Amino acid sequence: MKTDSMYKEEIMEIYLEKPNFGKLKEKTHSAKLKNPSCHDEFTIELNIKEGKIKEAGFYGEGCVISTISTALFTKKIKGMNLEDAKKLTKKDIDKIIGIEVIQTKINCELLPLEILRRMK
């Protein structure tokens, strides 16, 4: 079982590395959203081919929770179709990031899902 310090180290590694951070060279879909409670603002870009998300990237600024959530979320949705990815839930996001988020940070945690749901 991992200790709290191990979780904190993993979270900070993800925050500093920011997997999938940056604009895509080729995108088919894009959406942007600002979290009014924390002033996080991210854009998610997707490259969808043959109905599947082939690439996912993001850019912008946000708190630790929104950044790790968006980084891990964009990693998770690769290979999914857009409609299935939009059906993910808070419970799915909790599993993706591997921590229980406090009530005041739920909007930060769910920001990437809300961005994705705005894509057509």
PDB file of N, CA and C in Angstrom:
ATOM      1  N   MET A   1       0.840  -1.185   0.000  1.00  0.00           N
ATOM      2  CA  MET A   1       0.000   0.000   0.000  1.00  0.00           C
ATOM      3  C   MET A   1       0.882   1.244   0.000  1.00  0.00           C
ATOM      4  N   LYS A   2       0.491   2.220  -0.804  1.00  0.00           N
ATOM      5  CA  LYS A   2       1.286   3.428  -0.922  1.00  0.00           C
ATOM      6  C   LYS A   2       1.018   4.370   0.244  1.00  0.00           C
ATOM      7  N   THR A   3       2.040   5.064   0.627  1.00  0.00           N
ATOM      8  CA  THR A   3       1.878   6.061   1.682  1.00  0.00           C
ATOM      9  C   THR A   3       1.476   7.381   1.049  1.00  0.00           C
ATOM     10  N   ASP A   4       1.006   8.311   1.891  1.00  0.00           N
ATOM     11  CA  ASP A   4       0.626   9.629   1.394  1.00  0.00           C
ATOM     12  C   ASP A   4       1.783  10.318   0.689  1.00  0.00           C
ATOM     13  N   SER A   5       2.997  10.157   1.220  1.00  0.00           N
ATOM     14  CA  SER A   5       4.145  10.817   0.595  1.00  0.00           C
ATOM     15  C   SER A   5       4.426  10.234  -0.787  1.00  0.00           C
ATOM     16  N   MET A   6       4.187   8.925  -0.978  1.00  0.00           N
ATOM     17  CA  MET A   6       4.370   8.315  -2.291  1.00  0.00           C
ATOM     18  C   MET A   6       3.360   8.875  -3.279  1.00  0.00           C
ATOM     19  N   TYR A   7       2.095   9.036  -2.843  1.00  0.00           N
ATOM     20  CA  TYR A   7       1.075   9.625  -3.700  1.00  0.00           C
ATOM     21  C   TYR A   7       1.452  11.051  -4.066  1.00  0.00           C
ATOM     22  N   LYS A   8       1.905  11.826  -3.089  1.00  0.00           N
ATOM     23  CA  LYS A   8       2.281  13.211  -3.347  1.00  0.00           C
ATOM     24  C   LYS A   8       3.425  13.291  -4.346  1.00  0.00           C
ATOM     25  N   GLU A   9       4.392  12.396  -4.229  1.00  0.00           N
ATOM     26  CA  GLU A   9       5.510  12.373  -5.181  1.00  0.00           C
ATOM     27  C   GLU A   9       5.015  12.066  -6.594  1.00  0.00           C
ATOM     28  N   GLU A  10       4.153  11.070  -6.731  1.00  0.00           N
ATOM     29  CA  GLU A  10       3.614  10.709  -8.041  1.00  0.00           C
ATOM     30  C   GLU A  10       2.826  11.862  -8.641  1.00  0.00           C
ATOM     31  N   ILE A  11       2.007  12.512  -7.827  1.00  0.00           N
ATOM     32  CA  ILE A  11       1.204  13.641  -8.294  1.00  0.00           C
ATOM     33  C   ILE A  11       2.109  14.774  -8.771  1.00  0.00           C
ATOM     34  N   MET A  12       3.134  15.079  -8.003  1.00  0.00           N
ATOM     35  CA  MET A  12       4.031  16.163  -8.385  1.00  0.00           C
ATOM     36  C   MET A  12       4.831  15.808  -9.641  1.00  0.00           C
ATOM     37  N   GLU A  13       5.192  14.546  -9.816  1.00  0.00           N
ATOM     38  CA  GLU A  13       5.878  14.123 -11.043  1.00  0.00           C
ATOM     39  C   GLU A  13       4.988  14.358 -12.260  1.00  0.00           C
ATOM     40  N   ILE A  14       3.732  13.960 -12.152  1.00  0.00           N
ATOM     41  CA  ILE A  14       2.782  14.160 -13.255  1.00  0.00           C
ATOM     42  C   ILE A  14       2.612  15.648 -13.523  1.00  0.00           C
ATOM     43  N   TYR A  15       2.478  16.434 -12.456  1.00  0.00           N
ATOM     44  CA  TYR A  15       2.294  17.881 -12.602  1.00  0.00           C
ATOM     45  C   TYR A  15       3.488  18.512 -13.304  1.00  0.00           C
ATOM     46  N   LEU A  16       4.675  18.107 -12.955  1.00  0.00           N
ATOM     47  CA  LEU A  16       5.876  18.691 -13.542  1.00  0.00           C
ATOM     48  C   LEU A  16       6.124  18.197 -14.972  1.00  0.00           C
ATOM     49  N   GLU A  17       5.844  16.914 -15.226  1.00  0.00           N
ATOM     50  CA  GLU A  17       6.063  16.340 -16.559  1.00  0.00           C
ATOM     51  C   GLU A  17       4.965  16.732 -17.546  1.00  0.00           C
ATOM     52  N   LYS A  18       3.747  16.869 -17.058  1.00  0.00           N
ATOM     53  CA  LYS A  18       2.583  17.216 -17.877  1.00  0.00           C
ATOM     54  C   LYS A  18       2.496  16.389 -19.167  1.00  0.00           C
ATOM     55  N   PRO A  19       2.262  15.076 -19.030  1.00  0.00           N
ATOM     56  CA  PRO A  19       2.111  14.262 -20.243  1.00  0.00           C
ATOM     57  C   PRO A  19       1.007  14.821 -21.140  1.00  0.00           C
ATOM     58  N   ASN A  20       1.228  14.789 -22.434  1.00  0.00           N
ATOM     59  CA  ASN A  20       0.284  15.259 -23.455  1.00  0.00           C
ATOM     60  C   ASN A  20       0.132  16.774 -23.490  1.00  0.00           C
ATOM     61  N   PHE A  21       1.013  17.508 -22.802  1.00  0.00           N
ATOM     62  CA  PHE A  21       0.926  18.963 -22.794  1.00  0.00           C
ATOM     63  C   PHE A  21       1.489  19.512 -24.101  1.00  0.00           C
ATOM     64  N   GLY A  22       0.739  20.389 -24.710  1.00  0.00           N
ATOM     65  CA  GLY A  22       1.168  21.050 -25.939  1.00  0.00           C
ATOM     66  C   GLY A  22       0.131  20.918 -27.033  1.00  0.00           C
ATOM     67  N   LYS A  23       0.250  21.802 -28.007  1.00  0.00           N
ATOM     68  CA  LYS A  23      -0.676  21.790 -29.138  1.00  0.00           C
ATOM     69  C   LYS A  23      -0.343  20.629 -30.072  1.00  0.00           C
ATOM     70  N   LEU A  24      -1.382  20.054 -30.659  1.00  0.00           N
ATOM     71  CA  LEU A  24      -1.190  18.985 -31.635  1.00  0.00           C
ATOM     72  C   LEU A  24      -0.827  19.570 -32.988  1.00  0.00           C
ATOM     73  N   LYS A  25      -0.014  18.851 -33.744  1.00  0.00           N
ATOM     74  CA  LYS A  25       0.329  19.291 -35.103  1.00  0.00           C
ATOM     75  C   LYS A  25      -0.885  19.174 -36.016  1.00  0.00           C
ATOM     76  N   GLU A  26      -1.637  18.093 -35.825  1.00  0.00           N
ATOM     77  CA  GLU A  26      -2.864  17.878 -36.597  1.00  0.00           C
ATOM     78  C   GLU A  26      -4.013  17.667 -35.630  1.00  0.00           C
ATOM     79  N   LYS A  27      -5.033  18.498 -35.725  1.00  0.00           N
ATOM     80  CA  LYS A  27      -6.194  18.340 -34.847  1.00  0.00           C
ATOM     81  C   LYS A  27      -7.470  18.331 -35.673  1.00  0.00           C
ATOM     82  N   THR A  28      -8.429  17.578 -35.205  1.00  0.00           N
ATOM     83  CA  THR A  28      -9.747  17.562 -35.839  1.00  0.00           C
ATOM     84  C   THR A  28     -10.794  18.190 -34.931  1.00  0.00           C
ATOM     85  N   HIS A  29     -10.517  18.238 -33.630  1.00  0.00           N
ATOM     86  CA  HIS A  29     -11.450  18.776 -32.651  1.00  0.00           C
ATOM     87  C   HIS A  29     -10.684  19.593 -31.614  1.00  0.00           C
ATOM     88  N   SER A  30     -11.342  20.611 -31.106  1.00  0.00           N
ATOM     89  CA  SER A  30     -10.724  21.449 -30.083  1.00  0.00           C
ATOM     90  C   SER A  30     -11.810  22.127 -29.269  1.00  0.00           C
ATOM     91  N   ALA A  31     -11.570  22.274 -27.982  1.00  0.00           N
ATOM     92  CA  ALA A  31     -12.494  23.020 -27.122  1.00  0.00           C
ATOM     93  C   ALA A  31     -11.707  23.594 -25.950  1.00  0.00           C
ATOM     94  N   LYS A  32     -12.208  24.705 -25.434  1.00  0.00           N
ATOM     95  CA  LYS A  32     -11.537  25.439 -24.361  1.00  0.00           C
ATOM     96  C   LYS A  32     -12.564  25.762 -23.284  1.00  0.00           C
ATOM     97  N   LEU A  33     -12.108  25.746 -22.039  1.00  0.00           N
ATOM     98  CA  LEU A  33     -13.006  26.074 -20.939  1.00  0.00           C
ATOM     99  C   LEU A  33     -12.210  26.667 -19.791  1.00  0.00           C
ATOM    100  N   LYS A  34     -12.830  27.620 -19.133  1.00  0.00           N
ATOM    101  CA  LYS A  34     -12.234  28.236 -17.946  1.00  0.00           C
ATOM    102  C   LYS A  34     -13.060  27.821 -16.739  1.00  0.00           C
ATOM    103  N   ASN A  35     -12.373  27.413 -15.694  1.00  0.00           N
ATOM    104  CA  ASN A  35     -13.013  27.038 -14.436  1.00  0.00           C
ATOM    105  C   ASN A  35     -13.147  28.310 -13.592  1.00  0.00           C
ATOM    106  N   PRO A  36     -14.355  28.813 -13.411  1.00  0.00           N
ATOM    107  CA  PRO A  36     -14.516  30.085 -12.699  1.00  0.00           C
ATOM    108  C   PRO A  36     -14.129  30.024 -11.218  1.00  0.00           C
ATOM    109  N   SER A  37     -14.170  28.849 -10.625  1.00  0.00           N
ATOM    110  CA  SER A  37     -13.870  28.758  -9.197  1.00  0.00           C
ATOM    111  C   SER A  37     -12.375  28.792  -8.913  1.00  0.00           C
ATOM    112  N   CYS A  38     -11.552  28.451  -9.901  1.00  0.00           N
ATOM    113  CA  CYS A  38     -10.108  28.343  -9.650  1.00  0.00           C
ATOM    114  C   CYS A  38      -9.280  29.077 -10.703  1.00  0.00           C
ATOM    115  N   HIS A  39      -9.954  29.594 -11.713  1.00  0.00           N
ATOM    116  CA  HIS A  39      -9.308  30.309 -12.813  1.00  0.00           C
ATOM    117  C   HIS A  39      -8.413  29.426 -13.676  1.00  0.00           C
ATOM    118  N   ASP A  40      -8.615  28.103 -13.610  1.00  0.00           N
ATOM    119  CA  ASP A  40      -7.924  27.189 -14.513  1.00  0.00           C
ATOM    120  C   ASP A  40      -8.498  27.427 -15.906  1.00  0.00           C
ATOM    121  N   GLU A  41      -7.666  27.324 -16.899  1.00  0.00           N
ATOM    122  CA  GLU A  41      -8.137  27.463 -18.274  1.00  0.00           C
ATOM    123  C   GLU A  41      -7.299  26.563 -19.175  1.00  0.00           C
ATOM    124  N   PHE A  42      -7.971  25.578 -19.768  1.00  0.00           N
ATOM    125  CA  PHE A  42      -7.284  24.643 -20.648  1.00  0.00           C
ATOM    126  C   PHE A  42      -8.029  24.510 -21.968  1.00  0.00           C
ATOM    127  N   THR A  43      -7.267  24.206 -22.988  1.00  0.00           N
ATOM    128  CA  THR A  43      -7.786  23.808 -24.286  1.00  0.00           C
ATOM    129  C   THR A  43      -7.360  22.362 -24.489  1.00  0.00           C
ATOM    130  N   ILE A  44      -8.294  21.535 -24.923  1.00  0.00           N
ATOM    131  CA  ILE A  44      -7.978  20.152 -25.290  1.00  0.00           C
ATOM    132  C   ILE A  44      -8.145  20.042 -26.795  1.00  0.00           C
ATOM    133  N   GLU A  45      -7.152  19.434 -27.442  1.00  0.00           N
ATOM    134  CA  GLU A  45      -7.199  19.182 -28.873  1.00  0.00           C
ATOM    135  C   GLU A  45      -7.158  17.680 -29.114  1.00  0.00           C
ATOM    136  N   LEU A  46      -7.925  17.247 -30.094  1.00  0.00           N
ATOM    137  CA  LEU A  46      -7.970  15.833 -30.450  1.00  0.00           C
ATOM    138  C   LEU A  46      -7.689  15.660 -31.930  1.00  0.00           C
ATOM    139  N   ASN A  47      -7.110  14.533 -32.277  1.00  0.00           N
ATOM    140  CA  ASN A  47      -6.992  14.103 -33.660  1.00  0.00           C
ATOM    141  C   ASN A  47      -7.750  12.785 -33.725  1.00  0.00           C
ATOM    142  N   ILE A  48      -8.898  12.824 -34.377  1.00  0.00           N
ATOM    143  CA  ILE A  48      -9.754  11.639 -34.473  1.00  0.00           C
ATOM    144  C   ILE A  48      -9.691  11.114 -35.904  1.00  0.00           C
ATOM    145  N   LYS A  49      -9.350   9.837 -36.002  1.00  0.00           N
ATOM    146  CA  LYS A  49      -9.305   9.163 -37.305  1.00  0.00           C
ATOM    147  C   LYS A  49     -10.050   7.850 -37.190  1.00  0.00           C
ATOM    148  N   GLU A  50     -10.846   7.566 -38.201  1.00  0.00           N
ATOM    149  CA  GLU A  50     -11.623   6.329 -38.248  1.00  0.00           C
ATOM    150  C   GLU A  50     -12.452   6.151 -36.975  1.00  0.00           C
ATOM    151  N   GLY A  51     -12.958   7.255 -36.449  1.00  0.00           N
ATOM    152  CA  GLY A  51     -13.847   7.221 -35.296  1.00  0.00           C
ATOM    153  C   GLY A  51     -13.162   7.089 -33.943  1.00  0.00           C
ATOM    154  N   LYS A  52     -11.851   7.009 -33.915  1.00  0.00           N
ATOM    155  CA  LYS A  52     -11.114   6.833 -32.654  1.00  0.00           C
ATOM    156  C   LYS A  52     -10.197   8.029 -32.389  1.00  0.00           C
ATOM    157  N   ILE A  53     -10.034   8.336 -31.118  1.00  0.00           N
ATOM    158  CA  ILE A  53      -9.113   9.399 -30.720  1.00  0.00           C
ATOM    159  C   ILE A  53      -7.692   8.851 -30.848  1.00  0.00           C
ATOM    160  N   LYS A  54      -6.972   9.342 -31.837  1.00  0.00           N
ATOM    161  CA  LYS A  54      -5.595   8.881 -32.083  1.00  0.00           C
ATOM    162  C   LYS A  54      -4.605   9.671 -31.242  1.00  0.00           C
ATOM    163  N   GLU A  55      -4.861  10.974 -31.109  1.00  0.00           N
ATOM    164  CA  GLU A  55      -3.989  11.829 -30.307  1.00  0.00           C
ATOM    165  C   GLU A  55      -4.851  12.774 -29.484  1.00  0.00           C
ATOM    166  N   ALA A  56      -4.345  13.113 -28.302  1.00  0.00           N
ATOM    167  CA  ALA A  56      -5.002  14.085 -27.443  1.00  0.00           C
ATOM    168  C   ALA A  56      -3.927  14.918 -26.770  1.00  0.00           C
ATOM    169  N   GLY A  57      -4.122  16.207 -26.806  1.00  0.00           N
ATOM    170  CA  GLY A  57      -3.178  17.102 -26.158  1.00  0.00           C
ATOM    171  C   GLY A  57      -3.922  18.228 -25.472  1.00  0.00           C
ATOM    172  N   PHE A  58      -3.222  18.944 -24.621  1.00  0.00           N
ATOM    173  CA  PHE A  58      -3.841  20.075 -23.947  1.00  0.00           C
ATOM    174  C   PHE A  58      -2.806  21.150 -23.689  1.00  0.00           C
ATOM    175  N   TYR A  59      -3.307  22.365 -23.515  1.00  0.00           N
ATOM    176  CA  TYR A  59      -2.435  23.464 -23.127  1.00  0.00           C
ATOM    177  C   TYR A  59      -3.248  24.486 -22.349  1.00  0.00           C
ATOM    178  N   GLY A  60      -2.565  25.306 -21.606  1.00  0.00           N
ATOM    179  CA  GLY A  60      -3.193  26.316 -20.765  1.00  0.00           C
ATOM    180  C   GLY A  60      -2.546  26.300 -19.394  1.00  0.00           C
ATOM    181  N   GLU A  61      -3.256  26.845 -18.437  1.00  0.00           N
ATOM    182  CA  GLU A  61      -2.739  26.915 -17.073  1.00  0.00           C
ATOM    183  C   GLU A  61      -3.811  26.494 -16.088  1.00  0.00           C
ATOM    184  N   GLY A  62      -3.360  25.864 -15.000  1.00  0.00           N
ATOM    185  CA  GLY A  62      -4.299  25.450 -13.974  1.00  0.00           C
ATOM    186  C   GLY A  62      -3.592  25.006 -12.715  1.00  0.00           C
ATOM    187  N   CYS A  63      -4.384  24.740 -11.718  1.00  0.00           N
ATOM    188  CA  CYS A  63      -3.859  24.260 -10.443  1.00  0.00           C
ATOM    189  C   CYS A  63      -3.347  22.826 -10.606  1.00  0.00           C
ATOM    190  N   VAL A  64      -2.768  22.299  -9.561  1.00  0.00           N
ATOM    191  CA  VAL A  64      -2.203  20.943  -9.616  1.00  0.00           C
ATOM    192  C   VAL A  64      -3.289  19.932  -9.972  1.00  0.00           C
ATOM    193  N   ILE A  65      -4.438  19.998  -9.330  1.00  0.00           N
ATOM    194  CA  ILE A  65      -5.495  19.004  -9.568  1.00  0.00           C
ATOM    195  C   ILE A  65      -5.994  19.065 -11.011  1.00  0.00           C
ATOM    196  N   SER A  66      -6.292  20.247 -11.520  1.00  0.00           N
ATOM    197  CA  SER A  66      -6.799  20.327 -12.898  1.00  0.00           C
ATOM    198  C   SER A  66      -5.728  19.902 -13.901  1.00  0.00           C
ATOM    199  N   THR A  67      -4.477  20.219 -13.623  1.00  0.00           N
ATOM    200  CA  THR A  67      -3.391  19.856 -14.537  1.00  0.00           C
ATOM    201  C   THR A  67      -3.181  18.342 -14.587  1.00  0.00           C
ATOM    202  N   ILE A  68      -3.108  17.687 -13.425  1.00  0.00           N
ATOM    203  CA  ILE A  68      -2.897  16.236 -13.457  1.00  0.00           C
ATOM    204  C   ILE A  68      -4.129  15.521 -13.991  1.00  0.00           C
ATOM    205  N   SER A  69      -5.297  16.040 -13.666  1.00  0.00           N
ATOM    206  CA  SER A  69      -6.522  15.430 -14.173  1.00  0.00           C
ATOM    207  C   SER A  69      -6.563  15.514 -15.700  1.00  0.00           C
ATOM    208  N   THR A  70      -6.228  16.673 -16.249  1.00  0.00           N
ATOM    209  CA  THR A  70      -6.256  16.854 -17.698  1.00  0.00           C
ATOM    210  C   THR A  70      -5.166  16.022 -18.373  1.00  0.00           C
ATOM    211  N   ALA A  71      -3.992  15.985 -17.780  1.00  0.00           N
ATOM    212  CA  ALA A  71      -2.899  15.191 -18.355  1.00  0.00           C
ATOM    213  C   ALA A  71      -3.266  13.707 -18.403  1.00  0.00           C
ATOM    214  N   LEU A  72      -3.753  13.179 -17.299  1.00  0.00           N
ATOM    215  CA  LEU A  72      -4.091  11.753 -17.245  1.00  0.00           C
ATOM    216  C   LEU A  72      -5.348  11.433 -18.047  1.00  0.00           C
ATOM    217  N   PHE A  73      -6.291  12.369 -18.084  1.00  0.00           N
ATOM    218  CA  PHE A  73      -7.519  12.192 -18.859  1.00  0.00           C
ATOM    219  C   PHE A  73      -7.188  12.089 -20.344  1.00  0.00           C
ATOM    220  N   THR A  74      -6.323  12.992 -20.841  1.00  0.00           N
ATOM    221  CA  THR A  74      -5.978  12.946 -22.264  1.00  0.00           C
ATOM    222  C   THR A  74      -5.227  11.662 -22.606  1.00  0.00           C
ATOM    223  N   LYS A  75      -4.525  11.129 -21.655  1.00  0.00           N
ATOM    224  CA  LYS A  75      -3.845   9.841 -21.852  1.00  0.00           C
ATOM    225  C   LYS A  75      -4.873   8.703 -21.922  1.00  0.00           C
ATOM    226  N   LYS A  76      -5.843   8.729 -21.050  1.00  0.00           N
ATOM    227  CA  LYS A  76      -6.862   7.676 -20.938  1.00  0.00           C
ATOM    228  C   LYS A  76      -7.752   7.592 -22.181  1.00  0.00           C
ATOM    229  N   ILE A  77      -8.109   8.734 -22.763  1.00  0.00           N
ATOM    230  CA  ILE A  77      -9.099   8.716 -23.843  1.00  0.00           C
ATOM    231  C   ILE A  77      -8.524   8.310 -25.193  1.00  0.00           C
ATOM    232  N   LYS A  78      -7.218   8.216 -25.308  1.00  0.00           N
ATOM    233  CA  LYS A  78      -6.628   7.775 -26.574  1.00  0.00           C
ATOM    234  C   LYS A  78      -7.115   6.357 -26.885  1.00  0.00           C
ATOM    235  N   GLY A  79      -7.580   6.185 -28.097  1.00  0.00           N
ATOM    236  CA  GLY A  79      -8.105   4.890 -28.516  1.00  0.00           C
ATOM    237  C   GLY A  79      -9.613   4.760 -28.361  1.00  0.00           C
ATOM    238  N   MET A  80     -10.215   5.679 -27.617  1.00  0.00           N
ATOM    239  CA  MET A  80     -11.678   5.652 -27.430  1.00  0.00           C
ATOM    240  C   MET A  80     -12.340   6.437 -28.558  1.00  0.00           C
ATOM    241  N   ASN A  81     -13.640   6.192 -28.764  1.00  0.00           N
ATOM    242  CA  ASN A  81     -14.357   7.092 -29.654  1.00  0.00           C
ATOM    243  C   ASN A  81     -14.860   8.260 -28.809  1.00  0.00           C
ATOM    244  N   LEU A  82     -15.119   9.379 -29.453  1.00  0.00           N
ATOM    245  CA  LEU A  82     -15.458  10.614 -28.744  1.00  0.00           C
ATOM    246  C   LEU A  82     -16.702  10.464 -27.884  1.00  0.00           C
ATOM    247  N   GLU A  83     -17.721   9.833 -28.403  1.00  0.00           N
ATOM    248  CA  GLU A  83     -18.974   9.698 -27.641  1.00  0.00           C
ATOM    249  C   GLU A  83     -18.785   8.855 -26.386  1.00  0.00           C
ATOM    250  N   ASP A  84     -18.005   7.792 -26.462  1.00  0.00           N
ATOM    251  CA  ASP A  84     -17.729   6.987 -25.266  1.00  0.00           C
ATOM    252  C   ASP A  84     -16.900   7.775 -24.254  1.00  0.00           C
ATOM    253  N   ALA A  85     -15.943   8.543 -24.733  1.00  0.00           N
ATOM    254  CA  ALA A  85     -15.121   9.358 -23.837  1.00  0.00           C
ATOM    255  C   ALA A  85     -15.978  10.391 -23.109  1.00  0.00           C
ATOM    256  N   LYS A  86     -16.972  10.941 -23.803  1.00  0.00           N
ATOM    257  CA  LYS A  86     -17.865  11.931 -23.181  1.00  0.00           C
ATOM    258  C   LYS A  86     -18.729  11.312 -22.083  1.00  0.00           C
ATOM    259  N   LYS A  87     -18.895   9.993 -22.108  1.00  0.00           N
ATOM    260  CA  LYS A  87     -19.731   9.308 -21.124  1.00  0.00           C
ATOM    261  C   LYS A  87     -18.979   8.967 -19.838  1.00  0.00           C
ATOM    262  N   LEU A  88     -17.679   9.245 -19.789  1.00  0.00           N
ATOM    263  CA  LEU A  88     -16.935   9.002 -18.555  1.00  0.00           C
ATOM    264  C   LEU A  88     -17.551   9.815 -17.423  1.00  0.00           C
ATOM    265  N   THR A  89     -17.369   9.349 -16.201  1.00  0.00           N
ATOM    266  CA  THR A  89     -17.993   9.970 -15.039  1.00  0.00           C
ATOM    267  C   THR A  89     -16.946  10.433 -14.032  1.00  0.00           C
ATOM    268  N   LYS A  90     -17.403  11.083 -12.982  1.00  0.00           N
ATOM    269  CA  LYS A  90     -16.509  11.483 -11.898  1.00  0.00           C
ATOM    270  C   LYS A  90     -15.803  10.256 -11.309  1.00  0.00           C
ATOM    271  N   LYS A  91     -16.541   9.178 -11.173  1.00  0.00           N
ATOM    272  CA  LYS A  91     -15.948   7.945 -10.646  1.00  0.00           C
ATOM    273  C   LYS A  91     -14.806   7.464 -11.542  1.00  0.00           C
ATOM    274  N   ASP A  92     -14.992   7.567 -12.854  1.00  0.00           N
ATOM    275  CA  ASP A  92     -13.936   7.199 -13.798  1.00  0.00           C
ATOM    276  C   ASP A  92     -12.724   8.116 -13.637  1.00  0.00           C
ATOM    277  N   ILE A  93     -12.977   9.397 -13.486  1.00  0.00           N
ATOM    278  CA  ILE A  93     -11.885  10.363 -13.318  1.00  0.00           C
ATOM    279  C   ILE A  93     -11.150  10.086 -12.006  1.00  0.00           C
ATOM    280  N   ASP A  94     -11.885   9.763 -10.950  1.00  0.00           N
ATOM    281  CA  ASP A  94     -11.245   9.407  -9.672  1.00  0.00           C
ATOM    282  C   ASP A  94     -10.263   8.248  -9.875  1.00  0.00           C
ATOM    283  N   LYS A  95     -10.693   7.240 -10.639  1.00  0.00           N
ATOM    284  CA  LYS A  95      -9.825   6.082 -10.905  1.00  0.00           C
ATOM    285  C   LYS A  95      -8.620   6.486 -11.744  1.00  0.00           C
ATOM    286  N   ILE A  96      -8.843   7.353 -12.710  1.00  0.00           N
ATOM    287  CA  ILE A  96      -7.766   7.782 -13.596  1.00  0.00           C
ATOM    288  C   ILE A  96      -6.672   8.500 -12.812  1.00  0.00           C
ATOM    289  N   ILE A  97      -7.067   9.409 -11.908  1.00  0.00           N
ATOM    290  CA  ILE A  97      -6.037  10.171 -11.194  1.00  0.00           C
ATOM    291  C   ILE A  97      -5.570   9.480  -9.919  1.00  0.00           C
ATOM    292  N   GLY A  98      -6.350   8.528  -9.430  1.00  0.00           N
ATOM    293  CA  GLY A  98      -5.905   7.698  -8.321  1.00  0.00           C
ATOM    294  C   GLY A  98      -5.940   8.337  -6.945  1.00  0.00           C
ATOM    295  N   ILE A  99      -6.643   9.456  -6.828  1.00  0.00           N
ATOM    296  CA  ILE A  99      -6.786  10.089  -5.512  1.00  0.00           C
ATOM    297  C   ILE A  99      -8.225  10.540  -5.329  1.00  0.00           C
ATOM    298  N   GLU A 100      -8.605  10.707  -4.092  1.00  0.00           N
ATOM    299  CA  GLU A 100      -9.915  11.263  -3.789  1.00  0.00           C
ATOM    300  C   GLU A 100      -9.751  12.770  -3.662  1.00  0.00           C
ATOM    301  N   VAL A 101     -10.497  13.491  -4.453  1.00  0.00           N
ATOM    302  CA  VAL A 101     -10.377  14.936  -4.500  1.00  0.00           C
ATOM    303  C   VAL A 101     -11.356  15.566  -3.511  1.00  0.00           C
ATOM    304  N   ILE A 102     -10.887  16.569  -2.785  1.00  0.00           N
ATOM    305  CA  ILE A 102     -11.766  17.244  -1.829  1.00  0.00           C
ATOM    306  C   ILE A 102     -12.861  18.008  -2.566  1.00  0.00           C
ATOM    307  N   GLN A 103     -13.952  18.234  -1.896  1.00  0.00           N
ATOM    308  CA  GLN A 103     -15.151  18.841  -2.477  1.00  0.00           C
ATOM    309  C   GLN A 103     -14.856  20.153  -3.213  1.00  0.00           C
ATOM    310  N   THR A 104     -14.004  20.981  -2.642  1.00  0.00           N
ATOM    311  CA  THR A 104     -13.737  22.291  -3.246  1.00  0.00           C
ATOM    312  C   THR A 104     -12.915  22.199  -4.533  1.00  0.00           C
ATOM    313  N   LYS A 105     -12.361  21.032  -4.839  1.00  0.00           N
ATOM    314  CA  LYS A 105     -11.548  20.859  -6.045  1.00  0.00           C
ATOM    315  C   LYS A 105     -12.209  19.975  -7.104  1.00  0.00           C
ATOM    316  N   ILE A 106     -13.461  19.608  -6.897  1.00  0.00           N
ATOM    317  CA  ILE A 106     -14.138  18.735  -7.864  1.00  0.00           C
ATOM    318  C   ILE A 106     -14.263  19.403  -9.226  1.00  0.00           C
ATOM    319  N   ASN A 107     -14.548  20.705  -9.267  1.00  0.00           N
ATOM    320  CA  ASN A 107     -14.611  21.389 -10.561  1.00  0.00           C
ATOM    321  C   ASN A 107     -13.275  21.343 -11.279  1.00  0.00           C
ATOM    322  N   CYS A 108     -12.189  21.388 -10.528  1.00  0.00           N
ATOM    323  CA  CYS A 108     -10.849  21.294 -11.115  1.00  0.00           C
ATOM    324  C   CYS A 108     -10.628  19.892 -11.692  1.00  0.00           C
ATOM    325  N   GLU A 109     -11.015  18.901 -10.926  1.00  0.00           N
ATOM    326  CA  GLU A 109     -10.853  17.508 -11.344  1.00  0.00           C
ATOM    327  C   GLU A 109     -11.645  17.209 -12.614  1.00  0.00           C
ATOM    328  N   LEU A 110     -12.850  17.744 -12.713  1.00  0.00           N
ATOM    329  CA  LEU A 110     -13.746  17.418 -13.821  1.00  0.00           C
ATOM    330  C   LEU A 110     -13.609  18.349 -15.021  1.00  0.00           C
ATOM    331  N   LEU A 111     -12.711  19.322 -14.939  1.00  0.00           N
ATOM    332  CA  LEU A 111     -12.537  20.274 -16.039  1.00  0.00           C
ATOM    333  C   LEU A 111     -12.282  19.592 -17.383  1.00  0.00           C
ATOM    334  N   PRO A 112     -11.379  18.611 -17.483  1.00  0.00           N
ATOM    335  CA  PRO A 112     -11.160  18.004 -18.809  1.00  0.00           C
ATOM    336  C   PRO A 112     -12.387  17.291 -19.360  1.00  0.00           C
ATOM    337  N   LEU A 113     -13.172  16.689 -18.511  1.00  0.00           N
ATOM    338  CA  LEU A 113     -14.392  16.024 -18.960  1.00  0.00           C
ATOM    339  C   LEU A 113     -15.393  17.053 -19.490  1.00  0.00           C
ATOM    340  N   GLU A 114     -15.508  18.171 -18.791  1.00  0.00           N
ATOM    341  CA  GLU A 114     -16.423  19.236 -19.249  1.00  0.00           C
ATOM    342  C   GLU A 114     -15.958  19.833 -20.567  1.00  0.00           C
ATOM    343  N   ILE A 115     -14.652  19.967 -20.738  1.00  0.00           N
ATOM    344  CA  ILE A 115     -14.125  20.462 -22.014  1.00  0.00           C
ATOM    345  C   ILE A 115     -14.500  19.489 -23.133  1.00  0.00           C
ATOM    346  N   LEU A 116     -14.257  18.214 -22.895  1.00  0.00           N
ATOM    347  CA  LEU A 116     -14.536  17.202 -23.904  1.00  0.00           C
ATOM    348  C   LEU A 116     -16.017  17.185 -24.283  1.00  0.00           C
ATOM    349  N   ARG A 117     -16.870  17.337 -23.314  1.00  0.00           N
ATOM    350  CA  ARG A 117     -18.313  17.313 -23.579  1.00  0.00           C
ATOM    351  C   ARG A 117     -18.773  18.485 -24.439  1.00  0.00           C
ATOM    352  N   ARG A 118     -17.969  19.526 -24.568  1.00  0.00           N
ATOM    353  CA  ARG A 118     -18.303  20.669 -25.414  1.00  0.00           C
ATOM    354  C   ARG A 118     -17.902  20.458 -26.866  1.00  0.00           C
ATOM    355  N   MET A 119     -17.175  19.386 -27.133  1.00  0.00           N
ATOM    356  CA  MET A 119     -16.752  19.113 -28.512  1.00  0.00           C
ATOM    357  C   MET A 119     -17.881  18.485 -29.295  1.00  0.00           C
ATOM    358  N   LYS A 120     -17.935  18.816 -30.562  1.00  0.00           N
ATOM    359  CA  LYS A 120     -18.970  18.265 -31.437  1.00  0.00           C
ATOM    360  C   LYS A 120     -18.357  17.309 -32.426  1.00  0.00           C
TER     361      LYS A 120
END
